[in-house]
Amino acid sequence: MTGITKEMTIGEILRANPAVAPVLLEAGMHCLGCPSAQGESLEEAAMVHGIDIDELMKAIEAL
């Protein structure tokens, strides 16, 4: 998927493509609507949740 970067916030990503939500949920990011989703980048969220950002980006790009 083009246009989604690890620097974007989860909120930005979901507004750009809501189909990413199941990928994030499956990866263990269950608070898609929480305030942190609006303020931290996907990379920061992945780090907090112990998720490999490169693997997560591959899953997003496979959509």
Protein backbone atom coordinates (compact mmCIF):
# COMPACT_ATOMS: atom_id res chain seq x y z
CA MET A 1 0.00 0.00 0.00
CA THR A 2 1.48 3.28 -1.01
CA GLY A 3 1.16 6.38 1.09
CA ILE A 4 1.29 4.72 4.52
CA THR A 5 4.49 5.38 6.43
CA LYS A 6 5.72 4.42 9.89
CA GLU A 7 5.95 8.13 10.70
CA MET A 8 2.17 8.57 10.36
CA THR A 9 -0.06 8.39 13.43
CA ILE A 10 -2.46 5.48 13.70
CA GLY A 11 -5.30 7.97 13.37
CA GLU A 12 -3.87 9.30 10.10
CA ILE A 13 -3.42 5.78 8.79
CA LEU A 14 -6.98 4.77 9.63
CA ARG A 15 -8.38 7.90 8.00
CA ALA A 16 -6.31 7.20 4.89
CA ASN A 17 -7.31 3.52 4.75
CA PRO A 18 -9.68 1.99 7.32
CA ALA A 19 -8.81 -1.48 5.95
CA VAL A 20 -5.56 -1.28 7.93
CA ALA A 21 -7.49 -1.64 11.22
CA PRO A 22 -7.64 -5.47 11.17
CA VAL A 23 -3.89 -5.66 10.51
CA LEU A 24 -3.20 -3.43 13.51
CA LEU A 25 -5.62 -5.36 15.71
CA GLU A 26 -4.08 -8.68 14.71
CA ALA A 27 -0.64 -7.28 15.56
CA GLY A 28 -1.83 -6.48 19.09
CA MET A 29 -2.69 -2.79 18.78
CA HIS A 30 -6.16 -2.86 20.31
CA CYS A 31 -6.56 0.80 21.26
CA LEU A 32 -7.05 2.23 17.79
CA GLY A 33 -9.36 4.94 19.09
CA CYS A 34 -7.38 5.89 22.18
CA PRO A 35 -5.74 9.31 22.49
CA SER A 36 -2.30 7.83 21.88
CA ALA A 37 -3.45 6.69 18.43
CA GLN A 38 -3.83 10.36 17.52
CA GLY A 39 -0.50 11.51 18.88
CA GLU A 40 2.13 8.83 18.41
CA SER A 41 3.54 7.47 15.20
CA LEU A 42 3.00 3.91 14.07
CA GLU A 43 6.67 3.27 14.77
CA GLU A 44 6.36 4.59 18.33
CA ALA A 45 3.23 2.51 18.93
CA ALA A 46 4.95 -0.59 17.59
CA MET A 47 7.86 -0.01 19.95
CA VAL A 48 5.53 0.39 22.95
CA HIS A 49 3.72 -2.83 22.03
CA GLY A 50 6.90 -4.79 21.28
CA ILE A 51 6.00 -5.19 17.60
CA ASP A 52 8.58 -5.37 14.81
CA ILE A 53 7.82 -2.26 12.73
CA ASP A 54 9.31 -3.75 9.56
CA GLU A 55 7.06 -6.82 9.79
CA LEU A 56 4.05 -4.62 10.52
CA MET A 57 4.82 -2.42 7.50
CA LYS A 58 5.07 -5.54 5.31
CA ALA A 59 1.61 -6.63 6.48
CA ILE A 60 0.18 -3.17 5.77
CA GLU A 61 1.82 -2.99 2.36
CA ALA A 62 0.37 -6.41 1.48
CA LEU A 63 -3.18 -5.00 1.61
